[in-house]
Amino acid sequence: MLFEDLVQYANQWQSGAHPSGRNMGKKLTVLDLLRLDADGGDEAPNILPFQMSSFVDAVGDSYLQVVELQQMVASAYKSSLTQDTTKIKESLIKINKNLQKQKELIKNCGKLIDKLSH
């Protein structure tokens, strides 16, 4: 009979301790390992340069900052001063469009980094 240890081991990519202090997912089981092998996991993932690990975090932070800026613009747009002045309204609409473009550029950077790592 096969008796497995009741302790489920995990690494920083699957689960367990992560440098950011977040829980990255569920515990890794033997069945998960078998599924990983069945998915054609013959190739090792590409390794990004060390500097890119902090880049990924910075890109995520940038996206969140742009979202916060959009929320500020939306809040300013709802103010009574903005509703009375068309020049301010138009400027805020243009600012929001520019922020939306920035979000799209940040998303594209994330997609490019994702392609590099797979």
PDB file of N, CA and C in Angstrom:
ATOM      1  N   MET A   1       0.837  -1.184   0.000  1.00  0.00           N
ATOM      2  CA  MET A   1       0.000   0.000   0.000  1.00  0.00           C
ATOM      3  C   MET A   1       0.877   1.240   0.000  1.00  0.00           C
ATOM      4  N   LEU A   2       0.426   2.209  -0.740  1.00  0.00           N
ATOM      5  CA  LEU A   2       1.145   3.470  -0.807  1.00  0.00           C
ATOM      6  C   LEU A   2       0.565   4.426   0.225  1.00  0.00           C
ATOM      7  N   PHE A   3       1.414   4.910   1.108  1.00  0.00           N
ATOM      8  CA  PHE A   3       0.959   5.871   2.108  1.00  0.00           C
ATOM      9  C   PHE A   3       1.698   7.183   1.884  1.00  0.00           C
ATOM     10  N   GLU A   4       0.943   8.206   1.579  1.00  0.00           N
ATOM     11  CA  GLU A   4       1.554   9.505   1.333  1.00  0.00           C
ATOM     12  C   GLU A   4       1.564  10.324   2.609  1.00  0.00           C
ATOM     13  N   ASP A   5       2.573  11.125   2.723  1.00  0.00           N
ATOM     14  CA  ASP A   5       2.669  12.032   3.848  1.00  0.00           C
ATOM     15  C   ASP A   5       1.499  13.013   3.791  1.00  0.00           C
ATOM     16  N   LEU A   6       0.959  13.365   4.928  1.00  0.00           N
ATOM     17  CA  LEU A   6      -0.194  14.252   4.951  1.00  0.00           C
ATOM     18  C   LEU A   6       0.166  15.710   4.717  1.00  0.00           C
ATOM     19  N   VAL A   7       1.449  16.027   4.650  1.00  0.00           N
ATOM     20  CA  VAL A   7       1.879  17.399   4.409  1.00  0.00           C
ATOM     21  C   VAL A   7       1.919  17.628   2.897  1.00  0.00           C
ATOM     22  N   GLN A   8       1.229  18.652   2.455  1.00  0.00           N
ATOM     23  CA  GLN A   8       1.229  18.973   1.025  1.00  0.00           C
ATOM     24  C   GLN A   8       2.256  20.072   0.780  1.00  0.00           C
ATOM     25  N   TYR A   9       3.232  19.749  -0.008  1.00  0.00           N
ATOM     26  CA  TYR A   9       4.276  20.728  -0.284  1.00  0.00           C
ATOM     27  C   TYR A   9       3.877  21.595  -1.471  1.00  0.00           C
ATOM     28  N   ALA A  10       4.389  22.796  -1.494  1.00  0.00           N
ATOM     29  CA  ALA A  10       4.096  23.719  -2.580  1.00  0.00           C
ATOM     30  C   ALA A  10       5.288  24.639  -2.752  1.00  0.00           C
ATOM     31  N   ASN A  11       5.342  25.277  -3.895  1.00  0.00           N
ATOM     32  CA  ASN A  11       6.406  26.246  -4.101  1.00  0.00           C
ATOM     33  C   ASN A  11       5.808  27.623  -4.312  1.00  0.00           C
ATOM     34  N   GLN A  12       6.653  28.603  -4.556  1.00  0.00           N
ATOM     35  CA  GLN A  12       6.146  29.975  -4.647  1.00  0.00           C
ATOM     36  C   GLN A  12       5.277  30.204  -5.885  1.00  0.00           C
ATOM     37  N   TRP A  13       5.351  29.315  -6.874  1.00  0.00           N
ATOM     38  CA  TRP A  13       4.532  29.520  -8.067  1.00  0.00           C
ATOM     39  C   TRP A  13       3.167  28.856  -7.928  1.00  0.00           C
ATOM     40  N   GLN A  14       3.092  27.803  -7.174  1.00  0.00           N
ATOM     41  CA  GLN A  14       1.835  27.081  -7.035  1.00  0.00           C
ATOM     42  C   GLN A  14       1.049  27.541  -5.827  1.00  0.00           C
ATOM     43  N   SER A  15       1.717  27.640  -4.693  1.00  0.00           N
ATOM     44  CA  SER A  15       1.034  27.998  -3.463  1.00  0.00           C
ATOM     45  C   SER A  15       2.068  28.181  -2.372  1.00  0.00           C
ATOM     46  N   GLY A  16       1.633  28.616  -1.225  1.00  0.00           N
ATOM     47  CA  GLY A  16       2.530  28.733  -0.104  1.00  0.00           C
ATOM     48  C   GLY A  16       3.085  30.133   0.043  1.00  0.00           C
ATOM     49  N   ALA A  17       4.251  30.223   0.636  1.00  0.00           N
ATOM     50  CA  ALA A  17       4.852  31.528   0.924  1.00  0.00           C
ATOM     51  C   ALA A  17       5.240  32.221  -0.370  1.00  0.00           C
ATOM     52  N   HIS A  18       4.856  33.422  -0.500  1.00  0.00           N
ATOM     53  CA  HIS A  18       5.168  34.232  -1.686  1.00  0.00           C
ATOM     54  C   HIS A  18       5.800  35.532  -1.206  1.00  0.00           C
ATOM     55  N   PRO A  19       6.800  36.055  -1.951  1.00  0.00           N
ATOM     56  CA  PRO A  19       7.468  37.276  -1.497  1.00  0.00           C
ATOM     57  C   PRO A  19       6.535  38.456  -1.235  1.00  0.00           C
ATOM     58  N   SER A  20       5.423  38.496  -1.933  1.00  0.00           N
ATOM     59  CA  SER A  20       4.503  39.614  -1.733  1.00  0.00           C
ATOM     60  C   SER A  20       3.615  39.408  -0.511  1.00  0.00           C
ATOM     61  N   GLY A  21       3.665  38.222   0.082  1.00  0.00           N
ATOM     62  CA  GLY A  21       2.858  37.943   1.258  1.00  0.00           C
ATOM     63  C   GLY A  21       1.449  37.493   0.920  1.00  0.00           C
ATOM     64  N   ARG A  22       1.164  37.278  -0.359  1.00  0.00           N
ATOM     65  CA  ARG A  22      -0.162  36.839  -0.769  1.00  0.00           C
ATOM     66  C   ARG A  22      -0.197  35.327  -0.904  1.00  0.00           C
ATOM     67  N   ASN A  23      -1.332  34.749  -0.699  1.00  0.00           N
ATOM     68  CA  ASN A  23      -1.519  33.330  -0.935  1.00  0.00           C
ATOM     69  C   ASN A  23      -1.804  33.151  -2.411  1.00  0.00           C
ATOM     70  N   MET A  24      -0.966  32.420  -3.097  1.00  0.00           N
ATOM     71  CA  MET A  24      -1.042  32.344  -4.550  1.00  0.00           C
ATOM     72  C   MET A  24      -2.017  31.281  -5.065  1.00  0.00           C
ATOM     73  N   GLY A  25      -2.626  30.489  -4.227  1.00  0.00           N
ATOM     74  CA  GLY A  25      -3.570  29.507  -4.735  1.00  0.00           C
ATOM     75  C   GLY A  25      -3.739  28.351  -3.780  1.00  0.00           C
ATOM     76  N   LYS A  26      -4.330  27.273  -4.298  1.00  0.00           N
ATOM     77  CA  LYS A  26      -4.579  26.108  -3.459  1.00  0.00           C
ATOM     78  C   LYS A  26      -3.326  25.259  -3.347  1.00  0.00           C
ATOM     79  N   LYS A  27      -3.369  24.284  -2.449  1.00  0.00           N
ATOM     80  CA  LYS A  27      -2.241  23.383  -2.251  1.00  0.00           C
ATOM     81  C   LYS A  27      -2.077  22.477  -3.470  1.00  0.00           C
ATOM     82  N   LEU A  28      -0.865  22.099  -3.748  1.00  0.00           N
ATOM     83  CA  LEU A  28      -0.530  21.248  -4.877  1.00  0.00           C
ATOM     84  C   LEU A  28      -0.674  19.788  -4.464  1.00  0.00           C
ATOM     85  N   THR A  29      -1.424  19.003  -5.243  1.00  0.00           N
ATOM     86  CA  THR A  29      -1.621  17.588  -4.952  1.00  0.00           C
ATOM     87  C   THR A  29      -0.964  16.743  -6.029  1.00  0.00           C
ATOM     88  N   VAL A  30      -0.897  15.433  -5.794  1.00  0.00           N
ATOM     89  CA  VAL A  30      -0.324  14.512  -6.762  1.00  0.00           C
ATOM     90  C   VAL A  30      -1.134  14.536  -8.059  1.00  0.00           C
ATOM     91  N   LEU A  31      -2.444  14.622  -7.938  1.00  0.00           N
ATOM     92  CA  LEU A  31      -3.295  14.678  -9.121  1.00  0.00           C
ATOM     93  C   LEU A  31      -2.999  15.923  -9.957  1.00  0.00           C
ATOM     94  N   ASP A  32      -2.723  17.043  -9.286  1.00  0.00           N
ATOM     95  CA  ASP A  32      -2.353  18.263 -10.006  1.00  0.00           C
ATOM     96  C   ASP A  32      -1.061  18.069 -10.783  1.00  0.00           C
ATOM     97  N   LEU A  33      -0.100  17.382 -10.173  1.00  0.00           N
ATOM     98  CA  LEU A  33       1.172  17.122 -10.854  1.00  0.00           C
ATOM     99  C   LEU A  33       0.967  16.243 -12.085  1.00  0.00           C
ATOM    100  N   LEU A  34       0.100  15.247 -11.973  1.00  0.00           N
ATOM    101  CA  LEU A  34      -0.178  14.387 -13.119  1.00  0.00           C
ATOM    102  C   LEU A  34      -0.867  15.160 -14.236  1.00  0.00           C
ATOM    103  N   ARG A  35      -1.757  16.071 -13.876  1.00  0.00           N
ATOM    104  CA  ARG A  35      -2.431  16.891 -14.881  1.00  0.00           C
ATOM    105  C   ARG A  35      -1.450  17.835 -15.575  1.00  0.00           C
ATOM    106  N   LEU A  36      -0.516  18.381 -14.800  1.00  0.00           N
ATOM    107  CA  LEU A  36       0.488  19.268 -15.395  1.00  0.00           C
ATOM    108  C   LEU A  36       1.299  18.527 -16.443  1.00  0.00           C
ATOM    109  N   ASP A  37       1.660  17.274 -16.160  1.00  0.00           N
ATOM    110  CA  ASP A  37       2.430  16.487 -17.106  1.00  0.00           C
ATOM    111  C   ASP A  37       1.590  16.142 -18.331  1.00  0.00           C
ATOM    112  N   ALA A  38       0.299  15.902 -18.147  1.00  0.00           N
ATOM    113  CA  ALA A  38      -0.580  15.548 -19.255  1.00  0.00           C
ATOM    114  C   ALA A  38      -0.858  16.739 -20.174  1.00  0.00           C
ATOM    115  N   ASP A  39      -0.653  17.952 -19.676  1.00  0.00           N
ATOM    116  CA  ASP A  39      -0.908  19.138 -20.485  1.00  0.00           C
ATOM    117  C   ASP A  39       0.218  19.439 -21.466  1.00  0.00           C
ATOM    118  N   GLY A  40       1.151  18.535 -21.592  1.00  0.00           N
ATOM    119  CA  GLY A  40       2.255  18.782 -22.509  1.00  0.00           C
ATOM    120  C   GLY A  40       3.300  19.672 -21.877  1.00  0.00           C
ATOM    121  N   GLY A  41       3.558  19.464 -20.627  1.00  0.00           N
ATOM    122  CA  GLY A  41       4.526  20.284 -19.925  1.00  0.00           C
ATOM    123  C   GLY A  41       5.955  19.835 -20.186  1.00  0.00           C
ATOM    124  N   ASP A  42       6.260  19.439 -21.435  1.00  0.00           N
ATOM    125  CA  ASP A  42       7.598  18.989 -21.780  1.00  0.00           C
ATOM    126  C   ASP A  42       8.593  20.138 -21.803  1.00  0.00           C
ATOM    127  N   GLU A  43       8.107  21.320 -22.111  1.00  0.00           N
ATOM    128  CA  GLU A  43       8.998  22.460 -22.264  1.00  0.00           C
ATOM    129  C   GLU A  43       9.018  23.287 -20.978  1.00  0.00           C
ATOM    130  N   ALA A  44      10.184  23.730 -20.640  1.00  0.00           N
ATOM    131  CA  ALA A  44      10.312  24.613 -19.482  1.00  0.00           C
ATOM    132  C   ALA A  44       9.862  26.012 -19.889  1.00  0.00           C
ATOM    133  N   PRO A  45       9.255  26.743 -18.983  1.00  0.00           N
ATOM    134  CA  PRO A  45       8.865  28.111 -19.333  1.00  0.00           C
ATOM    135  C   PRO A  45      10.103  28.976 -19.524  1.00  0.00           C
ATOM    136  N   ASN A  46       9.967  29.979 -20.356  1.00  0.00           N
ATOM    137  CA  ASN A  46      11.066  30.918 -20.535  1.00  0.00           C
ATOM    138  C   ASN A  46      11.309  31.664 -19.242  1.00  0.00           C
ATOM    139  N   ILE A  47      12.550  31.928 -18.982  1.00  0.00           N
ATOM    140  CA  ILE A  47      12.907  32.650 -17.765  1.00  0.00           C
ATOM    141  C   ILE A  47      13.160  34.100 -18.134  1.00  0.00           C
ATOM    142  N   LEU A  48      12.490  34.984 -17.442  1.00  0.00           N
ATOM    143  CA  LEU A  48      12.670  36.410 -17.678  1.00  0.00           C
ATOM    144  C   LEU A  48      13.896  36.904 -16.913  1.00  0.00           C
ATOM    145  N   PRO A  49      14.555  37.932 -17.423  1.00  0.00           N
ATOM    146  CA  PRO A  49      15.657  38.520 -16.659  1.00  0.00           C
ATOM    147  C   PRO A  49      15.173  39.001 -15.297  1.00  0.00           C
ATOM    148  N   PHE A  50      16.070  39.019 -14.337  1.00  0.00           N
ATOM    149  CA  PHE A  50      15.725  39.382 -12.970  1.00  0.00           C
ATOM    150  C   PHE A  50      15.036  40.742 -12.900  1.00  0.00           C
ATOM    151  N   GLN A  51      15.486  41.703 -13.691  1.00  0.00           N
ATOM    152  CA  GLN A  51      14.929  43.055 -13.657  1.00  0.00           C
ATOM    153  C   GLN A  51      13.456  43.073 -14.059  1.00  0.00           C
ATOM    154  N   MET A  52      13.032  42.101 -14.831  1.00  0.00           N
ATOM    155  CA  MET A  52      11.651  42.080 -15.300  1.00  0.00           C
ATOM    156  C   MET A  52      10.675  41.673 -14.208  1.00  0.00           C
ATOM    157  N   SER A  53      11.152  41.013 -13.157  1.00  0.00           N
ATOM    158  CA  SER A  53      10.232  40.650 -12.074  1.00  0.00           C
ATOM    159  C   SER A  53       9.713  41.903 -11.381  1.00  0.00           C
ATOM    160  N   SER A  54      10.576  42.877 -11.171  1.00  0.00           N
ATOM    161  CA  SER A  54      10.104  44.129 -10.585  1.00  0.00           C
ATOM    162  C   SER A  54       9.327  44.950 -11.605  1.00  0.00           C
ATOM    163  N   PHE A  55       9.621  44.755 -12.883  1.00  0.00           N
ATOM    164  CA  PHE A  55       8.882  45.439 -13.941  1.00  0.00           C
ATOM    165  C   PHE A  55       7.419  45.017 -13.945  1.00  0.00           C
ATOM    166  N   VAL A  56       7.184  43.725 -13.766  1.00  0.00           N
ATOM    167  CA  VAL A  56       5.807  43.208 -13.758  1.00  0.00           C
ATOM    168  C   VAL A  56       5.030  43.838 -12.611  1.00  0.00           C
ATOM    169  N   ASP A  57       5.642  43.934 -11.450  1.00  0.00           N
ATOM    170  CA  ASP A  57       4.984  44.578 -10.309  1.00  0.00           C
ATOM    171  C   ASP A  57       4.719  46.047 -10.592  1.00  0.00           C
ATOM    172  N   ALA A  58       5.680  46.722 -11.215  1.00  0.00           N
ATOM    173  CA  ALA A  58       5.527  48.149 -11.518  1.00  0.00           C
ATOM    174  C   ALA A  58       4.423  48.382 -12.545  1.00  0.00           C
ATOM    175  N   VAL A  59       4.289  47.480 -13.509  1.00  0.00           N
ATOM    176  CA  VAL A  59       3.220  47.606 -14.507  1.00  0.00           C
ATOM    177  C   VAL A  59       1.861  47.465 -13.835  1.00  0.00           C
ATOM    178  N   GLY A  60       1.743  46.527 -12.929  1.00  0.00           N
ATOM    179  CA  GLY A  60       0.486  46.361 -12.197  1.00  0.00           C
ATOM    180  C   GLY A  60       0.152  47.576 -11.360  1.00  0.00           C
ATOM    181  N   ASP A  61       1.177  48.120 -10.693  1.00  0.00           N
ATOM    182  CA  ASP A  61       0.959  49.331  -9.896  1.00  0.00           C
ATOM    183  C   ASP A  61       0.557  50.508 -10.774  1.00  0.00           C
ATOM    184  N   SER A  62       1.174  50.610 -11.947  1.00  0.00           N
ATOM    185  CA  SER A  62       0.839  51.697 -12.880  1.00  0.00           C
ATOM    186  C   SER A  62      -0.624  51.613 -13.320  1.00  0.00           C
ATOM    187  N   TYR A  63      -1.072  50.390 -13.592  1.00  0.00           N
ATOM    188  CA  TYR A  63      -2.464  50.204 -14.011  1.00  0.00           C
ATOM    189  C   TYR A  63      -3.409  50.669 -12.897  1.00  0.00           C
ATOM    190  N   LEU A  64      -3.096  50.289 -11.679  1.00  0.00           N
ATOM    191  CA  LEU A  64      -3.947  50.687 -10.556  1.00  0.00           C
ATOM    192  C   LEU A  64      -3.944  52.201 -10.363  1.00  0.00           C
ATOM    193  N   GLN A  65      -2.803  52.824 -10.569  1.00  0.00           N
ATOM    194  CA  GLN A  65      -2.733  54.280 -10.436  1.00  0.00           C
ATOM    195  C   GLN A  65      -3.560  54.975 -11.506  1.00  0.00           C
ATOM    196  N   VAL A  66      -3.554  54.446 -12.723  1.00  0.00           N
ATOM    197  CA  VAL A  66      -4.364  55.033 -13.788  1.00  0.00           C
ATOM    198  C   VAL A  66      -5.847  54.875 -13.461  1.00  0.00           C
ATOM    199  N   VAL A  67      -6.232  53.736 -12.920  1.00  0.00           N
ATOM    200  CA  VAL A  67      -7.625  53.523 -12.513  1.00  0.00           C
ATOM    201  C   VAL A  67      -8.025  54.539 -11.440  1.00  0.00           C
ATOM    202  N   GLU A  68      -7.135  54.765 -10.479  1.00  0.00           N
ATOM    203  CA  GLU A  68      -7.422  55.751  -9.429  1.00  0.00           C
ATOM    204  C   GLU A  68      -7.551  57.158 -10.014  1.00  0.00           C
ATOM    205  N   LEU A  69      -6.705  57.482 -10.996  1.00  0.00           N
ATOM    206  CA  LEU A  69      -6.806  58.780 -11.656  1.00  0.00           C
ATOM    207  C   LEU A  69      -8.143  58.925 -12.376  1.00  0.00           C
ATOM    208  N   GLN A  70      -8.581  57.854 -13.019  1.00  0.00           N
ATOM    209  CA  GLN A  70      -9.886  57.903 -13.689  1.00  0.00           C
ATOM    210  C   GLN A  70     -11.011  58.111 -12.685  1.00  0.00           C
ATOM    211  N   GLN A  71     -10.881  57.512 -11.526  1.00  0.00           N
ATOM    212  CA  GLN A  71     -11.902  57.715 -10.498  1.00  0.00           C
ATOM    213  C   GLN A  71     -11.919  59.157 -10.026  1.00  0.00           C
ATOM    214  N   MET A  72     -10.744  59.771  -9.921  1.00  0.00           N
ATOM    215  CA  MET A  72     -10.674  61.178  -9.535  1.00  0.00           C
ATOM    216  C   MET A  72     -11.328  62.066 -10.590  1.00  0.00           C
ATOM    217  N   VAL A  73     -11.059  61.758 -11.855  1.00  0.00           N
ATOM    218  CA  VAL A  73     -11.655  62.531 -12.947  1.00  0.00           C
ATOM    219  C   VAL A  73     -13.162  62.359 -12.946  1.00  0.00           C
ATOM    220  N   ALA A  74     -13.639  61.134 -12.720  1.00  0.00           N
ATOM    221  CA  ALA A  74     -15.082  60.884 -12.682  1.00  0.00           C
ATOM    222  C   ALA A  74     -15.727  61.644 -11.525  1.00  0.00           C
ATOM    223  N   SER A  75     -15.047  61.683 -10.401  1.00  0.00           N
ATOM    224  CA  SER A  75     -15.560  62.423  -9.250  1.00  0.00           C
ATOM    225  C   SER A  75     -15.621  63.924  -9.550  1.00  0.00           C
ATOM    226  N   ALA A  76     -14.574  64.433 -10.194  1.00  0.00           N
ATOM    227  CA  ALA A  76     -14.555  65.854 -10.554  1.00  0.00           C
ATOM    228  C   ALA A  76     -15.635  66.172 -11.587  1.00  0.00           C
ATOM    229  N   TYR A  77     -15.899  65.223 -12.472  1.00  0.00           N
ATOM    230  CA  TYR A  77     -16.911  65.427 -13.513  1.00  0.00           C
ATOM    231  C   TYR A  77     -18.311  65.569 -12.901  1.00  0.00           C
ATOM    232  N   LYS A  78     -18.528  64.898 -11.782  1.00  0.00           N
ATOM    233  CA  LYS A  78     -19.847  64.939 -11.134  1.00  0.00           C
ATOM    234  C   LYS A  78     -20.062  66.180 -10.270  1.00  0.00           C
ATOM    235  N   SER A  79     -19.018  66.965 -10.065  1.00  0.00           N
ATOM    236  CA  SER A  79     -19.159  68.130  -9.191  1.00  0.00           C
ATOM    237  C   SER A  79     -20.042  69.199  -9.838  1.00  0.00           C
ATOM    238  N   SER A  80     -20.603  70.056  -9.018  1.00  0.00           N
ATOM    239  CA  SER A  80     -21.506  71.097  -9.516  1.00  0.00           C
ATOM    240  C   SER A  80     -20.766  72.130 -10.363  1.00  0.00           C
ATOM    241  N   LEU A  81     -19.520  72.426 -10.035  1.00  0.00           N
ATOM    242  CA  LEU A  81     -18.735  73.370 -10.828  1.00  0.00           C
ATOM    243  C   LEU A  81     -18.544  72.847 -12.255  1.00  0.00           C
ATOM    244  N   THR A  82     -18.256  71.563 -12.379  1.00  0.00           N
ATOM    245  CA  THR A  82     -18.061  70.958 -13.694  1.00  0.00           C
ATOM    246  C   THR A  82     -19.356  70.977 -14.492  1.00  0.00           C
ATOM    247  N   GLN A  83     -20.459  70.696 -13.857  1.00  0.00           N
ATOM    248  CA  GLN A  83     -21.741  70.662 -14.557  1.00  0.00           C
ATOM    249  C   GLN A  83     -22.121  72.040 -15.091  1.00  0.00           C
ATOM    250  N   ASP A  84     -21.630  73.096 -14.465  1.00  0.00           N
ATOM    251  CA  ASP A  84     -21.956  74.453 -14.899  1.00  0.00           C
ATOM    252  C   ASP A  84     -20.992  74.981 -15.961  1.00  0.00           C
ATOM    253  N   THR A  85     -19.835  74.360 -16.133  1.00  0.00           N
ATOM    254  CA  THR A  85     -18.816  74.871 -17.045  1.00  0.00           C
ATOM    255  C   THR A  85     -18.519  73.837 -18.127  1.00  0.00           C
ATOM    256  N   THR A  86     -18.825  74.165 -19.372  1.00  0.00           N
ATOM    257  CA  THR A  86     -18.607  73.217 -20.468  1.00  0.00           C
ATOM    258  C   THR A  86     -17.123  73.018 -20.770  1.00  0.00           C
ATOM    259  N   LYS A  87     -16.305  74.054 -20.557  1.00  0.00           N
ATOM    260  CA  LYS A  87     -14.872  73.938 -20.828  1.00  0.00           C
ATOM    261  C   LYS A  87     -14.234  72.894 -19.914  1.00  0.00           C
ATOM    262  N   ILE A  88     -14.629  72.901 -18.650  1.00  0.00           N
ATOM    263  CA  ILE A  88     -14.101  71.913 -17.704  1.00  0.00           C
ATOM    264  C   ILE A  88     -14.598  70.518 -18.087  1.00  0.00           C
ATOM    265  N   LYS A  89     -15.857  70.404 -18.467  1.00  0.00           N
ATOM    266  CA  LYS A  89     -16.417  69.111 -18.879  1.00  0.00           C
ATOM    267  C   LYS A  89     -15.620  68.520 -20.036  1.00  0.00           C
ATOM    268  N   GLU A  90     -15.392  69.355 -21.053  1.00  0.00           N
ATOM    269  CA  GLU A  90     -14.671  68.878 -22.237  1.00  0.00           C
ATOM    270  C   GLU A  90     -13.248  68.453 -21.886  1.00  0.00           C
ATOM    271  N   SER A  91     -12.592  69.228 -21.031  1.00  0.00           N
ATOM    272  CA  SER A  91     -11.232  68.883 -20.624  1.00  0.00           C
ATOM    273  C   SER A  91     -11.195  67.566 -19.852  1.00  0.00           C
ATOM    274  N   LEU A  92     -12.148  67.373 -18.959  1.00  0.00           N
ATOM    275  CA  LEU A  92     -12.187  66.135 -18.187  1.00  0.00           C
ATOM    276  C   LEU A  92     -12.480  64.930 -19.071  1.00  0.00           C
ATOM    277  N   ILE A  93     -13.313  65.116 -20.075  1.00  0.00           N
ATOM    278  CA  ILE A  93     -13.594  64.019 -21.014  1.00  0.00           C
ATOM    279  C   ILE A  93     -12.324  63.647 -21.775  1.00  0.00           C
ATOM    280  N   LYS A  94     -11.559  64.664 -22.217  1.00  0.00           N
ATOM    281  CA  LYS A  94     -10.309  64.397 -22.931  1.00  0.00           C
ATOM    282  C   LYS A  94      -9.295  63.706 -22.016  1.00  0.00           C
ATOM    283  N   ILE A  95      -9.222  64.153 -20.776  1.00  0.00           N
ATOM    284  CA  ILE A  95      -8.306  63.528 -19.814  1.00  0.00           C
ATOM    285  C   ILE A  95      -8.678  62.063 -19.619  1.00  0.00           C
ATOM    286  N   ASN A  96      -9.969  61.789 -19.486  1.00  0.00           N
ATOM    287  CA  ASN A  96     -10.423  60.416 -19.291  1.00  0.00           C
ATOM    288  C   ASN A  96     -10.088  59.544 -20.499  1.00  0.00           C
ATOM    289  N   LYS A  97     -10.240  60.086 -21.699  1.00  0.00           N
ATOM    290  CA  LYS A  97      -9.887  59.324 -22.903  1.00  0.00           C
ATOM    291  C   LYS A  97      -8.392  59.006 -22.927  1.00  0.00           C
ATOM    292  N   ASN A  98      -7.564  59.990 -22.545  1.00  0.00           N
ATOM    293  CA  ASN A  98      -6.118  59.756 -22.498  1.00  0.00           C
ATOM    294  C   ASN A  98      -5.759  58.705 -21.455  1.00  0.00           C
ATOM    295  N   LEU A  99      -6.421  58.749 -20.319  1.00  0.00           N
ATOM    296  CA  LEU A  99      -6.172  57.744 -19.288  1.00  0.00           C
ATOM    297  C   LEU A  99      -6.596  56.357 -19.763  1.00  0.00           C
ATOM    298  N   GLN A 100      -7.681  56.293 -20.515  1.00  0.00           N
ATOM    299  CA  GLN A 100      -8.137  55.011 -21.061  1.00  0.00           C
ATOM    300  C   GLN A 100      -7.096  54.458 -22.039  1.00  0.00           C
ATOM    301  N   LYS A 101      -6.503  55.328 -22.847  1.00  0.00           N
ATOM    302  CA  LYS A 101      -5.439  54.895 -23.763  1.00  0.00           C
ATOM    303  C   LYS A 101      -4.239  54.363 -22.982  1.00  0.00           C
ATOM    304  N   GLN A 102      -3.912  55.029 -21.882  1.00  0.00           N
ATOM    305  CA  GLN A 102      -2.805  54.568 -21.056  1.00  0.00           C
ATOM    306  C   GLN A 102      -3.089  53.185 -20.478  1.00  0.00           C
ATOM    307  N   LYS A 103      -4.329  52.957 -20.065  1.00  0.00           N
ATOM    308  CA  LYS A 103      -4.691  51.629 -19.550  1.00  0.00           C
ATOM    309  C   LYS A 103      -4.505  50.568 -20.620  1.00  0.00           C
ATOM    310  N   GLU A 104      -4.890  50.883 -21.845  1.00  0.00           N
ATOM    311  CA  GLU A 104      -4.739  49.922 -22.937  1.00  0.00           C
ATOM    312  C   GLU A 104      -3.261  49.642 -23.211  1.00  0.00           C
ATOM    313  N   LEU A 105      -2.425  50.682 -23.172  1.00  0.00           N
ATOM    314  CA  LEU A 105      -0.987  50.490 -23.382  1.00  0.00           C
ATOM    315  C   LEU A 105      -0.386  49.624 -22.276  1.00  0.00           C
ATOM    316  N   ILE A 106      -0.814  49.840 -21.061  1.00  0.00           N
ATOM    317  CA  ILE A 106      -0.311  49.034 -19.942  1.00  0.00           C
ATOM    318  C   ILE A 106      -0.755  47.581 -20.104  1.00  0.00           C
ATOM    319  N   LYS A 107      -1.999  47.368 -20.531  1.00  0.00           N
ATOM    320  CA  LYS A 107      -2.478  46.004 -20.771  1.00  0.00           C
ATOM    321  C   LYS A 107      -1.654  45.333 -21.857  1.00  0.00           C
ATOM    322  N   ASN A 108      -1.323  46.075 -22.917  1.00  0.00           N
ATOM    323  CA  ASN A 108      -0.519  45.514 -23.998  1.00  0.00           C
ATOM    324  C   ASN A 108       0.867  45.129 -23.507  1.00  0.00           C
ATOM    325  N   CYS A 109       1.460  45.948 -22.638  1.00  0.00           N
ATOM    326  CA  CYS A 109       2.757  45.595 -22.046  1.00  0.00           C
ATOM    327  C   CYS A 109       2.641  44.289 -21.263  1.00  0.00           C
ATOM    328  N   GLY A 110       1.568  44.150 -20.508  1.00  0.00           N
ATOM    329  CA  GLY A 110       1.355  42.911 -19.756  1.00  0.00           C
ATOM    330  C   GLY A 110       1.222  41.705 -20.658  1.00  0.00           C
ATOM    331  N   LYS A 111       0.516  41.868 -21.778  1.00  0.00           N
ATOM    332  CA  LYS A 111       0.362  40.748 -22.721  1.00  0.00           C
ATOM    333  C   LYS A 111       1.699  40.372 -23.345  1.00  0.00           C
ATOM    334  N   LEU A 112       2.516  41.375 -23.661  1.00  0.00           N
ATOM    335  CA  LEU A 112       3.837  41.096 -24.238  1.00  0.00           C
ATOM    336  C   LEU A 112       4.730  40.367 -23.241  1.00  0.00           C
ATOM    337  N   ILE A 113       4.696  40.777 -21.996  1.00  0.00           N
ATOM    338  CA  ILE A 113       5.486  40.099 -20.966  1.00  0.00           C
ATOM    339  C   ILE A 113       4.978  38.668 -20.783  1.00  0.00           C
ATOM    340  N   ASP A 114       3.661  38.486 -20.841  1.00  0.00           N
ATOM    341  CA  ASP A 114       3.092  37.146 -20.694  1.00  0.00           C
ATOM    342  C   ASP A 114       3.562  36.237 -21.834  1.00  0.00           C
ATOM    343  N   LYS A 115       3.645  36.777 -23.049  1.00  0.00           N
ATOM    344  CA  LYS A 115       4.124  35.977 -24.179  1.00  0.00           C
ATOM    345  C   LYS A 115       5.592  35.593 -23.997  1.00  0.00           C
ATOM    346  N   LEU A 116       6.376  36.495 -23.398  1.00  0.00           N
ATOM    347  CA  LEU A 116       7.792  36.195 -23.162  1.00  0.00           C
ATOM    348  C   LEU A 116       7.981  35.050 -22.179  1.00  0.00           C
ATOM    349  N   SER A 117       7.105  34.989 -21.189  1.00  0.00           N
ATOM    350  CA  SER A 117       7.304  34.008 -20.123  1.00  0.00           C
ATOM    351  C   SER A 117       6.689  32.649 -20.441  1.00  0.00           C
ATOM    352  N   HIS A 118       6.034  32.504 -21.574  1.00  0.00           N
ATOM    353  CA  HIS A 118       5.440  31.198 -21.923  1.00  0.00           C
ATOM    354  C   HIS A 118       6.037  30.642 -23.180  1.00  0.00           C
TER     355      HIS A 118
END
